[in-house]
Amino acid sequence: MTAASTPDADRYWMRRALSLAEQAAEYGEVPVGAVVVLDGELIGTGFNAPISGHDPTAHAEVRALRDAAATLGNYRLQGASLYVTIEPCTMCAGALVHARISRLVFGAREPKAGIIRSRDRLLEHAHFNWRVEVLEGVLEEQCRQQLTDFFAQRRAAKKADRLRMKGDEQ
């Protein structure tokens, strides 16, 4: 991929994030994936792992930022773009600012906890000392469907467990 941001490049990197989200789902985690890209090169990856990692901060975005910082040997990621399948939460938005991410690209809005567009426009607050360019809606339908399918499967499994337990009681 070239260093220039194009719709094709954005879709390419979001597909990479979607494949990482699939890995999260395989571990029973909410399927969110993220990649960090600098000058057209992948420098960090992450997927949700707070349950399996016993770590409330192990969101896809934070894990991708940690990986990118380790790759560069610097916690400042100025000039880099973070691609994530769903709108970041407050914690992750703060991490983007501290890491000096230049560009955030996300797929689907998160109406309950999304703080970039859904619940607030946190990155636009004047008190922050860093500005992050935001692009939303890249492969939005695929990102939303991945979450919808995951939670539908989870609900179906819980229902099957309840029915099985009810049958065992009789």
N, C-alpha and C. Protein backbone atom coordinates (compact mmCIF):
# COMPACT_ATOMS: atom_id res chain seq x y z
N MET A 1 0.84 -1.18 0.00
CA MET A 1 0.00 0.00 0.00
C MET A 1 0.89 1.23 0.00
N THR A 2 0.38 2.27 -0.60
CA THR A 2 1.13 3.52 -0.64
C THR A 2 0.90 4.32 0.62
N ALA A 3 1.75 5.31 0.83
CA ALA A 3 1.63 6.15 2.02
C ALA A 3 0.38 7.02 1.95
N ALA A 4 -0.06 7.35 0.74
CA ALA A 4 -1.23 8.21 0.59
C ALA A 4 -2.49 7.48 1.06
N SER A 5 -3.36 8.23 1.73
CA SER A 5 -4.62 7.67 2.17
C SER A 5 -5.62 7.74 1.02
N THR A 6 -6.11 6.61 0.61
CA THR A 6 -7.10 6.53 -0.45
C THR A 6 -8.25 5.66 0.04
N PRO A 7 -9.41 5.78 -0.58
CA PRO A 7 -10.50 4.87 -0.19
C PRO A 7 -10.12 3.40 -0.31
N ASP A 8 -9.35 3.04 -1.34
CA ASP A 8 -8.92 1.64 -1.49
C ASP A 8 -8.00 1.24 -0.34
N ALA A 9 -7.07 2.10 0.03
CA ALA A 9 -6.16 1.80 1.14
C ALA A 9 -6.94 1.69 2.44
N ASP A 10 -7.90 2.59 2.64
CA ASP A 10 -8.70 2.53 3.86
C ASP A 10 -9.47 1.22 3.96
N ARG A 11 -10.04 0.77 2.86
CA ARG A 11 -10.78 -0.51 2.86
C ARG A 11 -9.82 -1.68 3.10
N TYR A 12 -8.65 -1.61 2.50
CA TYR A 12 -7.65 -2.67 2.69
C TYR A 12 -7.31 -2.84 4.17
N TRP A 13 -6.99 -1.73 4.83
CA TRP A 13 -6.59 -1.79 6.24
C TRP A 13 -7.77 -2.16 7.13
N MET A 14 -8.96 -1.73 6.77
CA MET A 14 -10.13 -2.12 7.57
C MET A 14 -10.39 -3.62 7.44
N ARG A 15 -10.17 -4.18 6.27
CA ARG A 15 -10.31 -5.64 6.12
C ARG A 15 -9.31 -6.36 7.02
N ARG A 16 -8.12 -5.80 7.16
CA ARG A 16 -7.13 -6.39 8.08
C ARG A 16 -7.66 -6.34 9.51
N ALA A 17 -8.25 -5.21 9.89
CA ALA A 17 -8.82 -5.08 11.23
C ALA A 17 -9.98 -6.06 11.43
N LEU A 18 -10.81 -6.25 10.41
CA LEU A 18 -11.91 -7.20 10.50
C LEU A 18 -11.40 -8.63 10.72
N SER A 19 -10.29 -8.99 10.08
CA SER A 19 -9.75 -10.34 10.29
C SER A 19 -9.22 -10.51 11.71
N LEU A 20 -8.69 -9.45 12.29
CA LEU A 20 -8.26 -9.51 13.69
C LEU A 20 -9.46 -9.63 14.62
N ALA A 21 -10.54 -8.95 14.27
CA ALA A 21 -11.77 -9.06 15.07
C ALA A 21 -12.28 -10.50 15.08
N GLU A 22 -12.13 -11.19 13.96
CA GLU A 22 -12.52 -12.61 13.91
C GLU A 22 -11.72 -13.42 14.93
N GLN A 23 -10.45 -13.09 15.08
CA GLN A 23 -9.62 -13.80 16.06
C GLN A 23 -10.15 -13.57 17.48
N ALA A 24 -10.56 -12.34 17.76
CA ALA A 24 -11.13 -12.04 19.07
C ALA A 24 -12.35 -12.93 19.32
N ALA A 25 -13.22 -13.03 18.34
CA ALA A 25 -14.43 -13.84 18.48
C ALA A 25 -14.10 -15.31 18.74
N GLU A 26 -13.04 -15.81 18.13
CA GLU A 26 -12.62 -17.19 18.35
C GLU A 26 -12.25 -17.45 19.81
N TYR A 27 -11.82 -16.41 20.51
CA TYR A 27 -11.48 -16.51 21.93
C TYR A 27 -12.67 -16.16 22.83
N GLY A 28 -13.82 -15.91 22.23
CA GLY A 28 -15.00 -15.55 23.00
C GLY A 28 -15.03 -14.09 23.40
N GLU A 29 -14.18 -13.30 22.80
CA GLU A 29 -14.12 -11.87 23.06
C GLU A 29 -15.03 -11.13 22.09
N VAL A 30 -15.49 -9.95 22.48
CA VAL A 30 -16.26 -9.12 21.56
C VAL A 30 -15.36 -8.84 20.35
N PRO A 31 -15.86 -9.10 19.13
CA PRO A 31 -15.01 -9.02 17.94
C PRO A 31 -14.71 -7.58 17.51
N VAL A 32 -13.61 -7.08 18.02
CA VAL A 32 -13.10 -5.77 17.62
C VAL A 32 -11.64 -5.96 17.26
N GLY A 33 -11.25 -5.43 16.11
CA GLY A 33 -9.87 -5.52 15.66
C GLY A 33 -9.35 -4.15 15.27
N ALA A 34 -8.03 -3.97 15.38
CA ALA A 34 -7.42 -2.68 15.07
C ALA A 34 -6.02 -2.88 14.48
N VAL A 35 -5.66 -1.99 13.58
CA VAL A 35 -4.29 -1.95 13.04
C VAL A 35 -3.80 -0.51 13.04
N VAL A 36 -2.49 -0.36 13.20
CA VAL A 36 -1.85 0.94 13.11
C VAL A 36 -0.95 0.92 11.88
N VAL A 37 -1.07 1.97 11.06
CA VAL A 37 -0.36 2.06 9.80
C VAL A 37 0.41 3.38 9.76
N LEU A 38 1.67 3.30 9.36
CA LEU A 38 2.50 4.49 9.21
C LEU A 38 3.20 4.42 7.86
N ASP A 39 3.04 5.44 7.06
CA ASP A 39 3.65 5.50 5.73
C ASP A 39 3.33 4.25 4.90
N GLY A 40 2.09 3.80 5.01
CA GLY A 40 1.64 2.66 4.22
C GLY A 40 2.11 1.31 4.73
N GLU A 41 2.77 1.28 5.89
CA GLU A 41 3.27 0.04 6.46
C GLU A 41 2.53 -0.29 7.75
N LEU A 42 2.22 -1.55 7.93
CA LEU A 42 1.59 -2.03 9.15
C LEU A 42 2.64 -2.04 10.26
N ILE A 43 2.35 -1.31 11.35
CA ILE A 43 3.31 -1.27 12.46
C ILE A 43 2.72 -1.81 13.77
N GLY A 44 1.40 -2.02 13.81
CA GLY A 44 0.80 -2.54 15.03
C GLY A 44 -0.53 -3.20 14.76
N THR A 45 -0.81 -4.25 15.53
CA THR A 45 -2.09 -4.96 15.42
C THR A 45 -2.62 -5.26 16.81
N GLY A 46 -3.94 -5.41 16.88
CA GLY A 46 -4.54 -5.80 18.15
C GLY A 46 -5.98 -6.24 17.96
N PHE A 47 -6.42 -7.09 18.86
CA PHE A 47 -7.84 -7.45 18.91
C PHE A 47 -8.23 -7.51 20.38
N ASN A 48 -9.53 -7.39 20.63
CA ASN A 48 -10.03 -7.38 22.00
C ASN A 48 -9.57 -8.63 22.76
N ALA A 49 -9.12 -8.42 24.00
CA ALA A 49 -8.71 -9.54 24.84
C ALA A 49 -8.84 -9.25 26.33
N PRO A 50 -9.80 -8.42 26.76
CA PRO A 50 -9.90 -8.17 28.20
C PRO A 50 -10.31 -9.39 29.01
N ILE A 51 -11.13 -10.27 28.46
CA ILE A 51 -11.58 -11.45 29.19
C ILE A 51 -10.44 -12.46 29.30
N SER A 52 -9.90 -12.86 28.16
CA SER A 52 -8.84 -13.87 28.17
C SER A 52 -7.55 -13.36 28.80
N GLY A 53 -7.31 -12.06 28.71
CA GLY A 53 -6.11 -11.49 29.29
C GLY A 53 -6.26 -10.98 30.71
N HIS A 54 -7.49 -11.08 31.25
CA HIS A 54 -7.76 -10.56 32.59
C HIS A 54 -7.26 -9.12 32.72
N ASP A 55 -7.56 -8.32 31.68
CA ASP A 55 -7.03 -6.97 31.60
C ASP A 55 -8.11 -6.03 31.04
N PRO A 56 -8.68 -5.17 31.88
CA PRO A 56 -9.73 -4.28 31.39
C PRO A 56 -9.25 -3.28 30.34
N THR A 57 -7.96 -3.09 30.21
CA THR A 57 -7.44 -2.15 29.21
C THR A 57 -7.08 -2.84 27.90
N ALA A 58 -7.30 -4.13 27.78
CA ALA A 58 -6.88 -4.88 26.59
C ALA A 58 -7.88 -4.75 25.44
N HIS A 59 -8.28 -3.53 25.15
CA HIS A 59 -9.11 -3.28 23.98
C HIS A 59 -8.24 -3.35 22.73
N ALA A 60 -8.86 -3.62 21.61
CA ALA A 60 -8.13 -3.76 20.35
C ALA A 60 -7.25 -2.55 20.07
N GLU A 61 -7.80 -1.35 20.28
CA GLU A 61 -7.05 -0.13 19.98
C GLU A 61 -5.81 -0.01 20.85
N VAL A 62 -5.96 -0.25 22.13
CA VAL A 62 -4.82 -0.13 23.06
C VAL A 62 -3.76 -1.17 22.72
N ARG A 63 -4.18 -2.37 22.43
CA ARG A 63 -3.21 -3.43 22.08
C ARG A 63 -2.47 -3.09 20.78
N ALA A 64 -3.19 -2.52 19.81
CA ALA A 64 -2.54 -2.13 18.55
C ALA A 64 -1.56 -0.98 18.78
N LEU A 65 -1.94 -0.01 19.63
CA LEU A 65 -1.03 1.10 19.95
C LEU A 65 0.22 0.60 20.67
N ARG A 66 0.05 -0.32 21.60
CA ARG A 66 1.20 -0.88 22.32
C ARG A 66 2.14 -1.59 21.35
N ASP A 67 1.56 -2.36 20.43
CA ASP A 67 2.36 -3.08 19.44
C ASP A 67 3.11 -2.10 18.53
N ALA A 68 2.43 -1.06 18.09
CA ALA A 68 3.06 -0.07 17.22
C ALA A 68 4.18 0.67 17.94
N ALA A 69 3.94 1.05 19.19
CA ALA A 69 4.96 1.75 19.97
C ALA A 69 6.20 0.87 20.15
N ALA A 70 5.97 -0.42 20.40
CA ALA A 70 7.10 -1.34 20.54
C ALA A 70 7.86 -1.48 19.22
N THR A 71 7.12 -1.52 18.12
CA THR A 71 7.75 -1.63 16.80
C THR A 71 8.66 -0.43 16.53
N LEU A 72 8.17 0.77 16.85
CA LEU A 72 8.94 1.99 16.59
C LEU A 72 9.93 2.32 17.69
N GLY A 73 9.75 1.73 18.86
CA GLY A 73 10.59 2.09 19.99
C GLY A 73 10.29 3.49 20.48
N ASN A 74 9.00 3.90 20.33
CA ASN A 74 8.59 5.24 20.73
C ASN A 74 7.09 5.22 20.98
N TYR A 75 6.66 5.78 22.09
CA TYR A 75 5.22 5.80 22.37
C TYR A 75 4.48 6.86 21.57
N ARG A 76 5.19 7.77 20.95
CA ARG A 76 4.57 8.78 20.09
C ARG A 76 4.47 8.22 18.67
N LEU A 77 3.26 8.22 18.15
CA LEU A 77 2.99 7.61 16.84
C LEU A 77 2.51 8.66 15.84
N GLN A 78 3.08 9.84 15.93
CA GLN A 78 2.69 10.93 15.06
C GLN A 78 2.82 10.53 13.59
N GLY A 79 1.80 10.86 12.82
CA GLY A 79 1.78 10.51 11.40
C GLY A 79 1.10 9.18 11.12
N ALA A 80 0.81 8.41 12.17
CA ALA A 80 0.19 7.09 11.99
C ALA A 80 -1.33 7.18 11.97
N SER A 81 -1.93 6.18 11.35
CA SER A 81 -3.39 6.03 11.32
C SER A 81 -3.76 4.77 12.08
N LEU A 82 -4.84 4.84 12.84
CA LEU A 82 -5.38 3.67 13.51
C LEU A 82 -6.71 3.33 12.85
N TYR A 83 -6.83 2.08 12.42
CA TYR A 83 -8.06 1.55 11.83
C TYR A 83 -8.67 0.61 12.83
N VAL A 84 -9.94 0.80 13.14
CA VAL A 84 -10.62 -0.06 14.12
C VAL A 84 -12.04 -0.32 13.64
N THR A 85 -12.53 -1.51 13.89
CA THR A 85 -13.81 -1.93 13.34
C THR A 85 -15.00 -1.23 13.97
N ILE A 86 -14.85 -0.72 15.18
CA ILE A 86 -15.96 -0.05 15.86
C ILE A 86 -15.46 1.23 16.52
N GLU A 87 -16.36 2.14 16.69
CA GLU A 87 -16.06 3.44 17.30
C GLU A 87 -15.43 3.26 18.69
N PRO A 88 -14.31 3.94 18.94
CA PRO A 88 -13.62 3.80 20.23
C PRO A 88 -14.41 4.34 21.43
N CYS A 89 -14.07 3.79 22.59
CA CYS A 89 -14.61 4.23 23.87
C CYS A 89 -13.75 5.38 24.42
N THR A 90 -14.11 5.87 25.57
CA THR A 90 -13.39 6.98 26.20
C THR A 90 -11.93 6.64 26.46
N MET A 91 -11.68 5.47 27.03
CA MET A 91 -10.30 5.07 27.32
C MET A 91 -9.45 5.05 26.06
N CYS A 92 -9.99 4.46 25.01
CA CYS A 92 -9.23 4.33 23.77
C CYS A 92 -9.03 5.69 23.10
N ALA A 93 -10.02 6.56 23.19
CA ALA A 93 -9.87 7.91 22.63
C ALA A 93 -8.74 8.65 23.34
N GLY A 94 -8.66 8.51 24.66
CA GLY A 94 -7.57 9.13 25.40
C GLY A 94 -6.22 8.57 24.97
N ALA A 95 -6.16 7.26 24.75
CA ALA A 95 -4.92 6.64 24.31
C ALA A 95 -4.49 7.16 22.94
N LEU A 96 -5.45 7.42 22.06
CA LEU A 96 -5.13 7.97 20.73
C LEU A 96 -4.45 9.33 20.86
N VAL A 97 -4.99 10.15 21.75
CA VAL A 97 -4.42 11.49 21.96
C VAL A 97 -3.01 11.36 22.54
N HIS A 98 -2.84 10.54 23.57
CA HIS A 98 -1.52 10.40 24.20
C HIS A 98 -0.50 9.81 23.25
N ALA A 99 -0.92 8.94 22.35
CA ALA A 99 -0.02 8.34 21.38
C ALA A 99 0.26 9.26 20.19
N ARG A 100 -0.50 10.34 20.10
CA ARG A 100 -0.36 11.29 18.99
C ARG A 100 -0.70 10.66 17.64
N ILE A 101 -1.74 9.80 17.65
CA ILE A 101 -2.23 9.24 16.39
C ILE A 101 -2.76 10.40 15.55
N SER A 102 -2.40 10.42 14.29
CA SER A 102 -2.84 11.52 13.42
C SER A 102 -4.21 11.30 12.82
N ARG A 103 -4.55 10.02 12.60
CA ARG A 103 -5.80 9.74 11.91
C ARG A 103 -6.46 8.49 12.48
N LEU A 104 -7.75 8.60 12.78
CA LEU A 104 -8.57 7.48 13.23
C LEU A 104 -9.56 7.15 12.14
N VAL A 105 -9.62 5.89 11.76
CA VAL A 105 -10.60 5.40 10.78
C VAL A 105 -11.36 4.27 11.47
N PHE A 106 -12.68 4.44 11.59
CA PHE A 106 -13.45 3.36 12.20
C PHE A 106 -14.61 2.96 11.31
N GLY A 107 -15.06 1.71 11.51
CA GLY A 107 -16.11 1.15 10.68
C GLY A 107 -17.50 1.55 11.12
N ALA A 108 -17.95 0.99 12.24
CA ALA A 108 -19.33 1.20 12.69
C ALA A 108 -19.36 2.01 13.97
N ARG A 109 -20.41 2.78 14.13
CA ARG A 109 -20.63 3.50 15.38
C ARG A 109 -21.01 2.51 16.48
N GLU A 110 -20.71 2.92 17.72
CA GLU A 110 -21.07 2.12 18.88
C GLU A 110 -21.99 2.98 19.73
N PRO A 111 -23.31 2.79 19.60
CA PRO A 111 -24.26 3.71 20.23
C PRO A 111 -24.23 3.76 21.75
N LYS A 112 -23.74 2.72 22.41
CA LYS A 112 -23.73 2.72 23.88
C LYS A 112 -22.50 3.39 24.46
N ALA A 113 -21.33 3.10 23.90
CA ALA A 113 -20.09 3.60 24.52
C ALA A 113 -19.19 4.37 23.56
N GLY A 114 -19.59 4.49 22.30
CA GLY A 114 -18.76 5.21 21.34
C GLY A 114 -18.69 6.69 21.69
N ILE A 115 -17.48 7.20 21.78
CA ILE A 115 -17.30 8.57 22.28
C ILE A 115 -16.77 9.51 21.19
N ILE A 116 -16.60 9.02 19.99
CA ILE A 116 -16.07 9.84 18.90
C ILE A 116 -17.20 10.56 18.17
N ARG A 117 -18.32 9.86 17.99
CA ARG A 117 -19.48 10.44 17.31
C ARG A 117 -20.81 10.14 18.04
N SER A 118 -20.95 8.94 18.58
CA SER A 118 -22.24 8.49 19.10
C SER A 118 -22.67 9.18 20.39
N ARG A 119 -21.86 9.14 21.42
CA ARG A 119 -22.23 9.70 22.72
C ARG A 119 -21.69 11.11 22.92
N ASP A 120 -20.62 11.44 22.21
CA ASP A 120 -19.97 12.74 22.32
C ASP A 120 -19.03 12.87 21.12
N ARG A 121 -18.37 13.97 21.06
CA ARG A 121 -17.31 14.18 20.06
C ARG A 121 -16.05 14.53 20.84
N LEU A 122 -15.62 13.57 21.64
CA LEU A 122 -14.55 13.79 22.61
C LEU A 122 -13.27 14.33 21.98
N LEU A 123 -12.89 13.81 20.84
CA LEU A 123 -11.63 14.25 20.22
C LEU A 123 -11.67 15.70 19.74
N GLU A 124 -12.87 16.28 19.71
CA GLU A 124 -13.00 17.67 19.28
C GLU A 124 -12.97 18.65 20.45
N HIS A 125 -12.88 18.15 21.68
CA HIS A 125 -12.84 19.05 22.84
C HIS A 125 -11.59 19.92 22.79
N ALA A 126 -11.77 21.19 23.09
CA ALA A 126 -10.69 22.18 22.98
C ALA A 126 -9.54 21.94 23.94
N HIS A 127 -9.79 21.28 25.06
CA HIS A 127 -8.73 21.12 26.05
C HIS A 127 -7.66 20.11 25.66
N PHE A 128 -7.89 19.30 24.63
CA PHE A 128 -6.86 18.35 24.22
C PHE A 128 -5.73 19.07 23.49
N ASN A 129 -4.52 18.63 23.72
CA ASN A 129 -3.35 19.24 23.09
C ASN A 129 -2.96 18.56 21.79
N TRP A 130 -3.83 17.71 21.27
CA TRP A 130 -3.54 16.99 20.02
C TRP A 130 -4.85 16.79 19.27
N ARG A 131 -4.82 16.96 17.98
CA ARG A 131 -6.00 16.77 17.14
C ARG A 131 -5.85 15.51 16.30
N VAL A 132 -6.91 14.73 16.28
CA VAL A 132 -6.95 13.49 15.51
C VAL A 132 -7.98 13.66 14.40
N GLU A 133 -7.56 13.47 13.18
CA GLU A 133 -8.49 13.47 12.05
C GLU A 133 -9.32 12.20 12.14
N VAL A 134 -10.63 12.29 11.87
CA VAL A 134 -11.52 11.13 12.01
C VAL A 134 -12.24 10.87 10.69
N LEU A 135 -12.25 9.61 10.30
CA LEU A 135 -13.06 9.14 9.17
C LEU A 135 -13.86 7.95 9.67
N GLU A 136 -15.16 8.01 9.51
CA GLU A 136 -16.01 6.90 9.95
C GLU A 136 -16.72 6.27 8.77
N GLY A 137 -17.19 5.05 8.99
CA GLY A 137 -18.03 4.38 7.99
C GLY A 137 -17.31 3.54 6.98
N VAL A 138 -16.02 3.29 7.15
CA VAL A 138 -15.29 2.44 6.20
C VAL A 138 -15.67 0.99 6.47
N LEU A 139 -16.21 0.33 5.46
CA LEU A 139 -16.74 -1.04 5.57
C LEU A 139 -17.71 -1.16 6.74
N GLU A 140 -18.51 -0.12 6.90
CA GLU A 140 -19.43 -0.02 8.03
C GLU A 140 -20.35 -1.24 8.16
N GLU A 141 -20.95 -1.66 7.07
CA GLU A 141 -21.91 -2.77 7.14
C GLU A 141 -21.23 -4.06 7.59
N GLN A 142 -20.04 -4.36 7.06
CA GLN A 142 -19.32 -5.57 7.47
C GLN A 142 -18.95 -5.51 8.95
N CYS A 143 -18.50 -4.33 9.40
CA CYS A 143 -18.13 -4.17 10.81
C CYS A 143 -19.34 -4.35 11.73
N ARG A 144 -20.45 -3.74 11.36
CA ARG A 144 -21.66 -3.85 12.16
C ARG A 144 -22.17 -5.29 12.15
N GLN A 145 -22.17 -5.94 10.99
CA GLN A 145 -22.69 -7.30 10.88
C GLN A 145 -21.85 -8.28 11.70
N GLN A 146 -20.55 -8.08 11.75
CA GLN A 146 -19.69 -8.95 12.53
C GLN A 146 -20.10 -8.94 14.01
N LEU A 147 -20.39 -7.75 14.53
CA LEU A 147 -20.84 -7.64 15.92
C LEU A 147 -22.24 -8.22 16.11
N THR A 148 -23.14 -7.91 15.19
CA THR A 148 -24.50 -8.42 15.27
C THR A 148 -24.51 -9.95 15.29
N ASP A 149 -23.74 -10.56 14.40
CA ASP A 149 -23.67 -12.02 14.33
C ASP A 149 -23.10 -12.60 15.62
N PHE A 150 -22.06 -11.98 16.15
CA PHE A 150 -21.44 -12.46 17.38
C PHE A 150 -22.44 -12.48 18.54
N PHE A 151 -23.15 -11.36 18.72
CA PHE A 151 -24.08 -11.29 19.83
C PHE A 151 -25.31 -12.19 19.62
N ALA A 152 -25.72 -12.38 18.37
CA ALA A 152 -26.83 -13.30 18.09
C ALA A 152 -26.42 -14.73 18.44
N GLN A 153 -25.19 -15.11 18.10
CA GLN A 153 -24.70 -16.45 18.44
C GLN A 153 -24.59 -16.61 19.96
N ARG A 154 -24.14 -15.57 20.63
CA ARG A 154 -24.01 -15.62 22.10
C ARG A 154 -25.38 -15.79 22.75
N ARG A 155 -26.38 -15.03 22.28
CA ARG A 155 -27.73 -15.15 22.83
C ARG A 155 -28.31 -16.54 22.57
N ALA A 156 -28.08 -17.07 21.38
CA ALA A 156 -28.59 -18.40 21.04
C ALA A 156 -27.94 -19.47 21.92
N ALA A 157 -26.67 -19.33 22.19
CA ALA A 157 -25.97 -20.30 23.05
C ALA A 157 -26.51 -20.24 24.48
N LYS A 158 -26.76 -19.05 24.98
CA LYS A 158 -27.32 -18.91 26.33
C LYS A 158 -28.71 -19.51 26.41
N LYS A 159 -29.51 -19.29 25.36
CA LYS A 159 -30.86 -19.85 25.34
C LYS A 159 -30.79 -21.38 25.32
N ALA A 160 -29.89 -21.93 24.52
CA ALA A 160 -29.74 -23.38 24.45
C ALA A 160 -29.31 -23.94 25.80
N ASP A 161 -28.42 -23.23 26.50
CA ASP A 161 -27.98 -23.66 27.84
C ASP A 161 -29.15 -23.67 28.82
N ARG A 162 -29.98 -22.61 28.77
CA ARG A 162 -31.13 -22.54 29.67
C ARG A 162 -32.10 -23.68 29.39
N LEU A 163 -32.36 -23.97 28.12
CA LEU A 163 -33.26 -25.06 27.77
C LEU A 163 -32.70 -26.41 28.21
N ARG A 164 -31.40 -26.58 28.06
CA ARG A 164 -30.74 -27.82 28.46
C ARG A 164 -30.83 -27.99 29.98
N MET A 165 -30.61 -26.90 30.72
CA MET A 165 -30.69 -26.96 32.18
C MET A 165 -32.11 -27.25 32.62
N LYS A 166 -33.08 -26.67 31.95
CA LYS A 166 -34.47 -26.90 32.28
C LYS A 166 -34.83 -28.36 32.03
N GLY A 167 -34.31 -28.94 30.95
CA GLY A 167 -34.56 -30.34 30.64
C GLY A 167 -33.90 -31.26 31.66
N ASP A 168 -32.74 -30.88 32.17
CA ASP A 168 -32.04 -31.68 33.18
C ASP A 168 -32.79 -31.69 34.51
N GLU A 169 -33.54 -30.63 34.80
CA GLU A 169 -34.28 -30.54 36.04
C GLU A 169 -35.51 -31.45 36.06
N GLN A 170 -35.98 -31.82 34.88
CA GLN A 170 -37.21 -32.62 34.82
C GLN A 170 -36.95 -34.08 34.91
